[in-house]
């Protein structure tokens, strides 16, 4: 799923969930897909698929609510609205555990234009405050709530396909807290309660783990391994991360001469969460991680960082009428040096 490039949104339903209401506002019909609305949601879906912060998960079984509905929708698209209603009611029920007051759940059926495979997009869209000025209005501006623009990364979403025993994962998702003090029930609601799925490590996570932990292991053992061996290990890991298969045991056996040190190195990787010593690495991430991206602005101002991470921090918005480019930087950590 993470290799999907071109998509076409086929159907869309949007449910409104309000914890203060007696029951959720479950849509009983599809949205009319105008060109603008279709483009809006296709952009959101593409951004979700390509997000470097996306995770992968396995449904707990084919009988889980979302898993079952996704299978029925993809097999029989004519049942889309009926199954979306089930998903909406299930989401509303799970939202009762959350402290959030209001949100929207957009459910979209889309097709991978290259393979014709169908997938289900579940987008939790928290409304954004905005102000508009209506013609002939008595007040200058009126506060309204709108759906988040595609330039804003969604905190929670899932791109799902039907459950399959032999598939490593069934969904790619994001479960990012909206604030640092988010309550535990809200944090657990999306993946565990609503999707009924468990996280599995992505190729990107495993590749990052091996690259980062290798460097830490080298630094921790700099007094016990010579510089040449350290350089060989570092270079072998980075080079292998850009190939079809990454086998850390083979790398260690070729580069690390001391058997005890080999076992210590592999043991560190396993202790840090590596679940497979041989896997298909994320070549795209590895190639970008070896490069840096720099945005050059007016008056010599530069924004620079690793190519694999900078797009999650810096967002480029459409040009203003006076042809200025707007950059939005979103970060939890900030230091001025």
Foldseek 3Di string as FASTA:
>chain_A
DLPQDDKFWDWKFKWKAFLVDPATRQDQDTDDDDVVNRVQVRLLVNCLSNPLQKFFWAAPDCPALVLVLQACCQVPVVCVSVSSSSLNRQLNVLCNLFPDGIWMWMWIWMARVVPRHIKIKTAIWRWDWDWDADPPDPDRIDIDTDTDTSLDHGQWMKIAHHHDPPDPGGIIIHQHDPDPPGDPSSSCSRACRNRNIDTDGDLANLLVLLLVLLVVLCVVCVVPDDPVLSVQLNVVSLVQLQDQKAALLVSLVVRPPDPVSSVVSVVSSVVVPNPDRMDGHDNVLSVQQVDKDWDADPPRDIDIDGRSCVCVFWGWDDADPVRDIDIHGDDPDDDDD
